PDB file of all heavy atoms in Angstrom:
ATOM      1  N   ARG A   1       0.822  -1.163  -0.005  1.00  0.00           N
ATOM      2  CA  ARG A   1       0.000  -0.019  -0.017  1.00  0.00           C
ATOM      3  C   ARG A   1       0.920   1.231   0.019  1.00  0.00           C
ATOM      4  O   ARG A   1       2.118   1.142   0.126  1.00  0.00           O
ATOM      5  CB  ARG A   1      -0.955   0.028   1.271  1.00  0.00           C
ATOM      6  CG  ARG A   1      -1.892  -1.167   1.368  1.00  0.00           C
ATOM      7  CD  ARG A   1      -3.039  -0.966   0.440  1.00  0.00           C
ATOM      8  NE  ARG A   1      -3.811   0.192   0.777  1.00  0.00           N
ATOM      9  CZ  ARG A   1      -4.766   0.268   1.746  1.00  0.00           C
ATOM     10  NH1 ARG A   1      -5.006  -0.845   2.467  1.00  0.00           N
ATOM     11  NH2 ARG A   1      -5.452   1.393   1.952  1.00  0.00           N
ATOM     12  N   ALA A   2       0.254   2.422  -0.145  1.00  0.00           N
ATOM     13  CA  ALA A   2       1.025   3.652  -0.047  1.00  0.00           C
ATOM     14  C   ALA A   2       1.062   4.080   1.410  1.00  0.00           C
ATOM     15  O   ALA A   2       0.099   4.043   2.105  1.00  0.00           O
ATOM     16  CB  ALA A   2       0.323   4.696  -0.859  1.00  0.00           C
ATOM     17  N   TRP A   3       2.271   4.409   1.844  1.00  0.00           N
ATOM     18  CA  TRP A   3       2.465   4.840   3.241  1.00  0.00           C
ATOM     19  C   TRP A   3       3.098   6.235   3.293  1.00  0.00           C
ATOM     20  O   TRP A   3       3.835   6.619   2.353  1.00  0.00           O
ATOM     21  CB  TRP A   3       3.390   3.857   3.929  1.00  0.00           C
ATOM     22  CG  TRP A   3       2.793   2.480   4.089  1.00  0.00           C
ATOM     23  CD1 TRP A   3       2.665   1.509   3.145  1.00  0.00           C
ATOM     24  CD2 TRP A   3       2.345   1.937   5.329  1.00  0.00           C
ATOM     25  NE1 TRP A   3       2.133   0.373   3.693  1.00  0.00           N
ATOM     26  CE2 TRP A   3       1.927   0.621   5.028  1.00  0.00           C
ATOM     27  CE3 TRP A   3       2.273   2.413   6.635  1.00  0.00           C
ATOM     28  CZ2 TRP A   3       1.346  -0.228   6.070  1.00  0.00           C
ATOM     29  CZ3 TRP A   3       1.746   1.571   7.632  1.00  0.00           C
ATOM     30  CH2 TRP A   3       1.315   0.229   7.256  1.00  0.00           C
ATOM     31  N   TYR A   4       2.820   6.868   4.321  1.00  0.00           N
ATOM     32  CA  TYR A   4       3.550   8.130   4.714  1.00  0.00           C
ATOM     33  C   TYR A   4       4.233   7.930   6.014  1.00  0.00           C
ATOM     34  O   TYR A   4       3.790   7.140   6.870  1.00  0.00           O
ATOM     35  CB  TYR A   4       2.636   9.354   4.705  1.00  0.00           C
ATOM     36  CG  TYR A   4       1.432   9.364   5.641  1.00  0.00           C
ATOM     37  CD1 TYR A   4       1.585   9.728   6.942  1.00  0.00           C
ATOM     38  CD2 TYR A   4       0.234   8.927   5.245  1.00  0.00           C
ATOM     39  CE1 TYR A   4       0.508   9.735   7.799  1.00  0.00           C
ATOM     40  CE2 TYR A   4      -0.877   8.949   6.013  1.00  0.00           C
ATOM     41  CZ  TYR A   4      -0.692   9.351   7.365  1.00  0.00           C
ATOM     42  OH  TYR A   4      -1.811   9.277   8.207  1.00  0.00           O
ATOM     43  N   MET A   5       5.339   8.567   6.211  1.00  0.00           N
ATOM     44  CA  MET A   5       6.132   8.433   7.399  1.00  0.00           C
ATOM     45  C   MET A   5       6.596   9.751   7.943  1.00  0.00           C
ATOM     46  O   MET A   5       6.687  10.755   7.229  1.00  0.00           O
ATOM     47  CB  MET A   5       7.384   7.507   7.118  1.00  0.00           C
ATOM     48  CG  MET A   5       7.029   6.121   6.577  1.00  0.00           C
ATOM     49  SD  MET A   5       8.348   5.041   6.327  1.00  0.00           S
ATOM     50  CE  MET A   5       8.819   4.631   8.010  1.00  0.00           C
ATOM     51  N   GLY A   6       6.887   9.805   9.224  1.00  0.00           N
ATOM     52  CA  GLY A   6       7.469  10.971   9.772  1.00  0.00           C
ATOM     53  C   GLY A   6       8.264  10.828  10.992  1.00  0.00           C
ATOM     54  O   GLY A   6       8.411   9.682  11.569  1.00  0.00           O
ATOM     55  N   TRP A   7       8.955  11.921  11.389  1.00  0.00           N
ATOM     56  CA  TRP A   7       9.813  11.915  12.557  1.00  0.00           C
ATOM     57  C   TRP A   7       9.140  12.884  13.602  1.00  0.00           C
ATOM     58  O   TRP A   7       8.733  14.039  13.216  1.00  0.00           O
ATOM     59  CB  TRP A   7      11.181  12.400  12.320  1.00  0.00           C
ATOM     60  CG  TRP A   7      12.007  11.376  11.586  1.00  0.00           C
ATOM     61  CD1 TRP A   7      12.256  11.304  10.226  1.00  0.00           C
ATOM     62  CD2 TRP A   7      12.718  10.264  12.170  1.00  0.00           C
ATOM     63  NE1 TRP A   7      13.132  10.196   9.978  1.00  0.00           N
ATOM     64  CE2 TRP A   7      13.423   9.570  11.102  1.00  0.00           C
ATOM     65  CE3 TRP A   7      12.839   9.824  13.474  1.00  0.00           C
ATOM     66  CZ2 TRP A   7      14.192   8.432  11.363  1.00  0.00           C
ATOM     67  CZ3 TRP A   7      13.633   8.675  13.711  1.00  0.00           C
ATOM     68  CH2 TRP A   7      14.240   7.993  12.697  1.00  0.00           C
ATOM     69  N   PHE A   8       9.072  12.472  14.848  1.00  0.00           N
ATOM     70  CA  PHE A   8       8.625  13.302  15.906  1.00  0.00           C
ATOM     71  C   PHE A   8       9.599  13.280  16.993  1.00  0.00           C
ATOM     72  O   PHE A   8      10.442  12.488  17.094  1.00  0.00           O
ATOM     73  CB  PHE A   8       7.260  12.764  16.430  1.00  0.00           C
ATOM     74  CG  PHE A   8       6.108  12.890  15.492  1.00  0.00           C
ATOM     75  CD1 PHE A   8       5.986  12.109  14.363  1.00  0.00           C
ATOM     76  CD2 PHE A   8       5.171  13.890  15.662  1.00  0.00           C
ATOM     77  CE1 PHE A   8       4.934  12.276  13.433  1.00  0.00           C
ATOM     78  CE2 PHE A   8       4.075  14.036  14.799  1.00  0.00           C
ATOM     79  CZ  PHE A   8       3.926  13.241  13.719  1.00  0.00           C
ATOM     80  N   ARG A   9       9.499  14.298  17.927  1.00  0.00           N
ATOM     81  CA  ARG A   9      10.430  14.289  19.009  1.00  0.00           C
ATOM     82  C   ARG A   9       9.708  14.774  20.273  1.00  0.00           C
ATOM     83  O   ARG A   9       8.730  15.531  20.226  1.00  0.00           O
ATOM     84  CB  ARG A   9      11.646  15.249  18.729  1.00  0.00           C
ATOM     85  CG  ARG A   9      11.321  16.698  18.713  1.00  0.00           C
ATOM     86  CD  ARG A   9      12.604  17.496  18.296  1.00  0.00           C
ATOM     87  NE  ARG A   9      12.457  18.900  18.452  1.00  0.00           N
ATOM     88  CZ  ARG A   9      13.339  19.850  18.094  1.00  0.00           C
ATOM     89  NH1 ARG A   9      14.471  19.412  17.612  1.00  0.00           N
ATOM     90  NH2 ARG A   9      13.084  21.047  18.322  1.00  0.00           N
ATOM     91  N   GLN A  10      10.325  14.381  21.465  1.00  0.00           N
ATOM     92  CA  GLN A  10       9.725  14.821  22.659  1.00  0.00           C
ATOM     93  C   GLN A  10      10.819  15.015  23.723  1.00  0.00           C
ATOM     94  O   GLN A  10      11.536  14.101  24.057  1.00  0.00           O
ATOM     95  CB  GLN A  10       8.672  13.816  23.203  1.00  0.00           C
ATOM     96  CG  GLN A  10       7.929  14.264  24.469  1.00  0.00           C
ATOM     97  CD  GLN A  10       6.777  13.334  24.834  1.00  0.00           C
ATOM     98  OE1 GLN A  10       6.760  12.113  24.513  1.00  0.00           O
ATOM     99  NE2 GLN A  10       5.779  13.941  25.466  1.00  0.00           N
ATOM    100  N   ALA A  11      10.861  16.178  24.243  1.00  0.00           N
ATOM    101  CA  ALA A  11      11.837  16.548  25.288  1.00  0.00           C
ATOM    102  C   ALA A  11      11.154  16.390  26.675  1.00  0.00           C
ATOM    103  O   ALA A  11       9.922  16.499  26.747  1.00  0.00           O
ATOM    104  CB  ALA A  11      12.342  17.989  25.109  1.00  0.00           C
ATOM    105  N   PRO A  12      11.860  16.165  27.717  1.00  0.00           N
ATOM    106  CA  PRO A  12      11.241  15.968  29.046  1.00  0.00           C
ATOM    107  C   PRO A  12      10.411  17.131  29.409  1.00  0.00           C
ATOM    108  O   PRO A  12      10.834  18.280  29.270  1.00  0.00           O
ATOM    109  CB  PRO A  12      12.480  15.844  29.930  1.00  0.00           C
ATOM    110  CG  PRO A  12      13.530  15.275  29.128  1.00  0.00           C
ATOM    111  CD  PRO A  12      13.337  15.983  27.782  1.00  0.00           C
ATOM    112  N   GLY A  13       9.178  16.923  29.831  1.00  0.00           N
ATOM    113  CA  GLY A  13       8.270  17.944  30.206  1.00  0.00           C
ATOM    114  C   GLY A  13       7.504  18.680  29.143  1.00  0.00           C
ATOM    115  O   GLY A  13       6.711  19.526  29.351  1.00  0.00           O
ATOM    116  N   LEU A  14       7.815  18.327  27.850  1.00  0.00           N
ATOM    117  CA  LEU A  14       7.274  19.022  26.739  1.00  0.00           C
ATOM    118  C   LEU A  14       6.369  18.126  25.919  1.00  0.00           C
ATOM    119  O   LEU A  14       6.440  16.871  26.026  1.00  0.00           O
ATOM    120  CB  LEU A  14       8.293  19.605  25.795  1.00  0.00           C
ATOM    121  CG  LEU A  14       9.246  20.652  26.447  1.00  0.00           C
ATOM    122  CD1 LEU A  14      10.224  21.129  25.428  1.00  0.00           C
ATOM    123  CD2 LEU A  14       8.464  21.797  27.007  1.00  0.00           C
ATOM    124  N   GLU A  15       5.497  18.685  25.129  1.00  0.00           N
ATOM    125  CA  GLU A  15       4.592  17.836  24.224  1.00  0.00           C
ATOM    126  C   GLU A  15       5.423  17.299  23.032  1.00  0.00           C
ATOM    127  O   GLU A  15       6.469  17.749  22.646  1.00  0.00           O
ATOM    128  CB  GLU A  15       3.552  18.766  23.597  1.00  0.00           C
ATOM    129  CG  GLU A  15       2.628  19.431  24.643  1.00  0.00           C
ATOM    130  CD  GLU A  15       1.585  18.491  25.142  1.00  0.00           C
ATOM    131  OE1 GLU A  15       1.111  17.610  24.329  1.00  0.00           O
ATOM    132  OE2 GLU A  15       1.183  18.605  26.282  1.00  0.00           O
ATOM    133  N   ARG A  16       4.969  16.154  22.520  1.00  0.00           N
ATOM    134  CA  ARG A  16       5.542  15.574  21.363  1.00  0.00           C
ATOM    135  C   ARG A  16       5.232  16.460  20.202  1.00  0.00           C
ATOM    136  O   ARG A  16       4.067  16.887  20.077  1.00  0.00           O
ATOM    137  CB  ARG A  16       5.026  14.085  21.166  1.00  0.00           C
ATOM    138  CG  ARG A  16       5.710  13.447  20.066  1.00  0.00           C
ATOM    139  CD  ARG A  16       5.271  11.973  19.914  1.00  0.00           C
ATOM    140  NE  ARG A  16       5.524  11.207  21.115  1.00  0.00           N
ATOM    141  CZ  ARG A  16       5.401   9.909  21.232  1.00  0.00           C
ATOM    142  NH1 ARG A  16       4.862   9.187  20.173  1.00  0.00           N
ATOM    143  NH2 ARG A  16       5.616   9.298  22.371  1.00  0.00           N
ATOM    144  N   GLU A  17       6.222  16.698  19.372  1.00  0.00           N
ATOM    145  CA  GLU A  17       6.027  17.554  18.171  1.00  0.00           C
ATOM    146  C   GLU A  17       6.574  16.912  16.941  1.00  0.00           C
ATOM    147  O   GLU A  17       7.530  16.205  16.998  1.00  0.00           O
ATOM    148  CB  GLU A  17       6.672  18.959  18.468  1.00  0.00           C
ATOM    149  CG  GLU A  17       8.187  18.875  18.681  1.00  0.00           C
ATOM    150  CD  GLU A  17       8.780  20.220  18.945  1.00  0.00           C
ATOM    151  OE1 GLU A  17       8.162  21.290  18.757  1.00  0.00           O
ATOM    152  OE2 GLU A  17       9.999  20.223  19.358  1.00  0.00           O
ATOM    153  N   GLY A  18       5.933  17.308  15.857  1.00  0.00           N
ATOM    154  CA  GLY A  18       6.372  16.833  14.579  1.00  0.00           C
ATOM    155  C   GLY A  18       7.675  17.544  14.060  1.00  0.00           C
ATOM    156  O   GLY A  18       7.771  18.736  14.309  1.00  0.00           O
ATOM    157  N   VAL A  19       8.562  16.764  13.540  1.00  0.00           N
ATOM    158  CA  VAL A  19       9.857  17.326  13.062  1.00  0.00           C
ATOM    159  C   VAL A  19       9.834  17.397  11.527  1.00  0.00           C
ATOM    160  O   VAL A  19      10.079  18.483  10.942  1.00  0.00           O
ATOM    161  CB  VAL A  19      10.992  16.415  13.478  1.00  0.00           C
ATOM    162  CG1 VAL A  19      12.327  16.965  12.960  1.00  0.00           C
ATOM    163  CG2 VAL A  19      11.075  16.377  15.074  1.00  0.00           C
ATOM    164  N   ALA A  20       9.543  16.297  10.869  1.00  0.00           N
ATOM    165  CA  ALA A  20       9.505  16.212   9.429  1.00  0.00           C
ATOM    166  C   ALA A  20       8.705  15.010   8.966  1.00  0.00           C
ATOM    167  O   ALA A  20       8.562  14.085   9.772  1.00  0.00           O
ATOM    168  CB  ALA A  20      10.930  16.063   8.897  1.00  0.00           C
ATOM    169  N   ALA A  21       8.187  15.096   7.796  1.00  0.00           N
ATOM    170  CA  ALA A  21       7.353  14.013   7.249  1.00  0.00           C
ATOM    171  C   ALA A  21       7.531  13.889   5.763  1.00  0.00           C
ATOM    172  O   ALA A  21       7.857  14.940   5.110  1.00  0.00           O
ATOM    173  CB  ALA A  21       5.912  14.264   7.604  1.00  0.00           C
ATOM    174  N   ILE A  22       7.313  12.707   5.248  1.00  0.00           N
ATOM    175  CA  ILE A  22       7.354  12.454   3.872  1.00  0.00           C
ATOM    176  C   ILE A  22       6.115  11.664   3.424  1.00  0.00           C
ATOM    177  O   ILE A  22       5.865  10.630   4.008  1.00  0.00           O
ATOM    178  CB  ILE A  22       8.703  11.764   3.434  1.00  0.00           C
ATOM    179  CG1 ILE A  22       8.759  11.622   1.863  1.00  0.00           C
ATOM    180  CG2 ILE A  22       8.866  10.385   4.129  1.00  0.00           C
ATOM    181  CD1 ILE A  22      10.180  11.247   1.416  1.00  0.00           C
ATOM    182  N   ASP A  23       5.409  12.212   2.453  1.00  0.00           N
ATOM    183  CA  ASP A  23       4.127  11.624   2.113  1.00  0.00           C
ATOM    184  C   ASP A  23       4.365  10.474   1.038  1.00  0.00           C
ATOM    185  O   ASP A  23       5.455  10.260   0.637  1.00  0.00           O
ATOM    186  CB  ASP A  23       3.193  12.692   1.520  1.00  0.00           C
ATOM    187  CG  ASP A  23       1.746  12.443   1.851  1.00  0.00           C
ATOM    188  OD1 ASP A  23       1.361  11.246   2.007  1.00  0.00           O
ATOM    189  OD2 ASP A  23       0.962  13.473   1.961  1.00  0.00           O
ATOM    190  N   SER A  24       3.282   9.779   0.750  1.00  0.00           N
ATOM    191  CA  SER A  24       3.408   8.679  -0.179  1.00  0.00           C
ATOM    192  C   SER A  24       3.854   9.106  -1.531  1.00  0.00           C
ATOM    193  O   SER A  24       4.378   8.275  -2.277  1.00  0.00           O
ATOM    194  CB  SER A  24       2.028   7.908  -0.224  1.00  0.00           C
ATOM    195  OG  SER A  24       1.010   8.823  -0.698  1.00  0.00           O
ATOM    196  N   ASP A  25       3.627  10.335  -1.961  1.00  0.00           N
ATOM    197  CA  ASP A  25       4.068  10.774  -3.215  1.00  0.00           C
ATOM    198  C   ASP A  25       5.403  11.449  -3.242  1.00  0.00           C
ATOM    199  O   ASP A  25       5.814  12.070  -4.223  1.00  0.00           O
ATOM    200  CB  ASP A  25       2.995  11.795  -3.822  1.00  0.00           C
ATOM    201  CG  ASP A  25       2.874  13.113  -2.982  1.00  0.00           C
ATOM    202  OD1 ASP A  25       3.503  13.135  -1.903  1.00  0.00           O
ATOM    203  OD2 ASP A  25       2.088  13.942  -3.386  1.00  0.00           O
ATOM    204  N   GLY A  26       6.084  11.402  -2.073  1.00  0.00           N
ATOM    205  CA  GLY A  26       7.423  11.971  -1.936  1.00  0.00           C
ATOM    206  C   GLY A  26       7.433  13.366  -1.405  1.00  0.00           C
ATOM    207  O   GLY A  26       8.547  13.920  -1.080  1.00  0.00           O
ATOM    208  N   THR A  27       6.270  14.016  -1.235  1.00  0.00           N
ATOM    209  CA  THR A  27       6.206  15.357  -0.701  1.00  0.00           C
ATOM    210  C   THR A  27       6.733  15.457   0.724  1.00  0.00           C
ATOM    211  O   THR A  27       6.259  14.628   1.519  1.00  0.00           O
ATOM    212  CB  THR A  27       4.836  15.885  -0.812  1.00  0.00           C
ATOM    213  OG1 THR A  27       4.339  15.912  -2.143  1.00  0.00           O
ATOM    214  CG2 THR A  27       4.792  17.377  -0.298  1.00  0.00           C
ATOM    215  N   THR A  28       7.563  16.320   1.031  1.00  0.00           N
ATOM    216  CA  THR A  28       8.119  16.485   2.381  1.00  0.00           C
ATOM    217  C   THR A  28       7.563  17.749   3.032  1.00  0.00           C
ATOM    218  O   THR A  28       7.180  18.689   2.403  1.00  0.00           O
ATOM    219  CB  THR A  28       9.676  16.549   2.340  1.00  0.00           C
ATOM    220  OG1 THR A  28      10.091  17.613   1.483  1.00  0.00           O
ATOM    221  CG2 THR A  28      10.232  15.256   1.810  1.00  0.00           C
ATOM    222  N   SER A  29       7.571  17.708   4.357  1.00  0.00           N
ATOM    223  CA  SER A  29       7.127  18.809   5.150  1.00  0.00           C
ATOM    224  C   SER A  29       7.997  18.904   6.347  1.00  0.00           C
ATOM    225  O   SER A  29       8.428  17.883   6.900  1.00  0.00           O
ATOM    226  CB  SER A  29       5.611  18.776   5.494  1.00  0.00           C
ATOM    227  OG  SER A  29       5.327  17.552   6.162  1.00  0.00           O
ATOM    228  N   TYR A  30       8.220  20.098   6.874  1.00  0.00           N
ATOM    229  CA  TYR A  30       9.102  20.327   8.026  1.00  0.00           C
ATOM    230  C   TYR A  30       8.538  21.261   9.025  1.00  0.00           C
ATOM    231  O   TYR A  30       7.840  22.267   8.630  1.00  0.00           O
ATOM    232  CB  TYR A  30      10.475  20.890   7.566  1.00  0.00           C
ATOM    233  CG  TYR A  30      11.277  19.916   6.670  1.00  0.00           C
ATOM    234  CD1 TYR A  30      11.088  19.930   5.344  1.00  0.00           C
ATOM    235  CD2 TYR A  30      12.143  18.946   7.247  1.00  0.00           C
ATOM    236  CE1 TYR A  30      11.820  19.081   4.481  1.00  0.00           C
ATOM    237  CE2 TYR A  30      12.904  18.126   6.465  1.00  0.00           C
ATOM    238  CZ  TYR A  30      12.728  18.196   5.118  1.00  0.00           C
ATOM    239  OH  TYR A  30      13.446  17.346   4.271  1.00  0.00           O
ATOM    240  N   ALA A  31       8.819  21.042  10.298  1.00  0.00           N
ATOM    241  CA  ALA A  31       8.548  22.024  11.286  1.00  0.00           C
ATOM    242  C   ALA A  31       9.492  23.256  11.092  1.00  0.00           C
ATOM    243  O   ALA A  31      10.544  23.109  10.489  1.00  0.00           O
ATOM    244  CB  ALA A  31       8.760  21.483  12.730  1.00  0.00           C
ATOM    245  N   ASP A  32       9.012  24.430  11.513  1.00  0.00           N
ATOM    246  CA  ASP A  32       9.888  25.624  11.257  1.00  0.00           C
ATOM    247  C   ASP A  32      11.306  25.407  11.808  1.00  0.00           C
ATOM    248  O   ASP A  32      12.229  25.899  11.259  1.00  0.00           O
ATOM    249  CB  ASP A  32       9.200  26.810  11.905  1.00  0.00           C
ATOM    250  CG  ASP A  32       7.989  27.319  11.142  1.00  0.00           C
ATOM    251  OD1 ASP A  32       7.893  26.972   9.900  1.00  0.00           O
ATOM    252  OD2 ASP A  32       7.164  28.000  11.703  1.00  0.00           O
ATOM    253  N   PHE A  33      11.429  24.812  12.995  1.00  0.00           N
ATOM    254  CA  PHE A  33      12.753  24.690  13.591  1.00  0.00           C
ATOM    255  C   PHE A  33      13.674  23.716  12.822  1.00  0.00           C
ATOM    256  O   PHE A  33      14.868  23.785  13.017  1.00  0.00           O
ATOM    257  CB  PHE A  33      12.619  24.268  15.085  1.00  0.00           C
ATOM    258  CG  PHE A  33      12.088  22.887  15.270  1.00  0.00           C
ATOM    259  CD1 PHE A  33      12.838  21.742  15.044  1.00  0.00           C
ATOM    260  CD2 PHE A  33      10.736  22.724  15.633  1.00  0.00           C
ATOM    261  CE1 PHE A  33      12.282  20.445  15.195  1.00  0.00           C
ATOM    262  CE2 PHE A  33      10.187  21.417  15.802  1.00  0.00           C
ATOM    263  CZ  PHE A  33      10.965  20.310  15.614  1.00  0.00           C
ATOM    264  N   ALA A  34      13.042  22.914  11.990  1.00  0.00           N
ATOM    265  CA  ALA A  34      13.842  21.952  11.226  1.00  0.00           C
ATOM    266  C   ALA A  34      14.256  22.405   9.879  1.00  0.00           C
ATOM    267  O   ALA A  34      15.264  21.903   9.274  1.00  0.00           O
ATOM    268  CB  ALA A  34      13.099  20.588  11.095  1.00  0.00           C
ATOM    269  N   LYS A  35      13.542  23.400   9.294  1.00  0.00           N
ATOM    270  CA  LYS A  35      13.879  23.852   7.973  1.00  0.00           C
ATOM    271  C   LYS A  35      15.278  24.384   7.848  1.00  0.00           C
ATOM    272  O   LYS A  35      15.680  25.181   8.612  1.00  0.00           O
ATOM    273  CB  LYS A  35      12.795  24.935   7.589  1.00  0.00           C
ATOM    274  CG  LYS A  35      11.418  24.444   7.448  1.00  0.00           C
ATOM    275  CD  LYS A  35      10.387  25.618   7.154  1.00  0.00           C
ATOM    276  CE  LYS A  35       9.014  25.114   6.993  1.00  0.00           C
ATOM    277  NZ  LYS A  35       8.095  26.228   6.722  1.00  0.00           N
ATOM    278  N   GLY A  36      15.981  23.902   6.770  1.00  0.00           N
ATOM    279  CA  GLY A  36      17.318  24.377   6.537  1.00  0.00           C
ATOM    280  C   GLY A  36      18.365  23.589   7.341  1.00  0.00           C
ATOM    281  O   GLY A  36      19.582  23.764   7.043  1.00  0.00           O
ATOM    282  N   ARG A  37      17.961  22.787   8.271  1.00  0.00           N
ATOM    283  CA  ARG A  37      18.919  22.011   9.112  1.00  0.00           C
ATOM    284  C   ARG A  37      18.673  20.545   8.984  1.00  0.00           C
ATOM    285  O   ARG A  37      19.725  19.833   8.956  1.00  0.00           O
ATOM    286  CB  ARG A  37      18.840  22.474  10.551  1.00  0.00           C
ATOM    287  CG  ARG A  37      19.101  23.902  10.850  1.00  0.00           C
ATOM    288  CD  ARG A  37      19.348  24.133  12.362  1.00  0.00           C
ATOM    289  NE  ARG A  37      18.105  23.852  13.018  1.00  0.00           N
ATOM    290  CZ  ARG A  37      18.085  23.077  14.160  1.00  0.00           C
ATOM    291  NH1 ARG A  37      19.218  22.433  14.606  1.00  0.00           N
ATOM    292  NH2 ARG A  37      16.917  22.871  14.797  1.00  0.00           N
TER     293      ARG A  37
END
């Protein structure tokens, strides 16, 4: 099947947040803190 995948992170005491994702068609998306790095 077609799958999408992503990276998330969680620091102690903080909410889990999305870092980056890649969709089934190859489209990528990034959190602001991750863009360019």
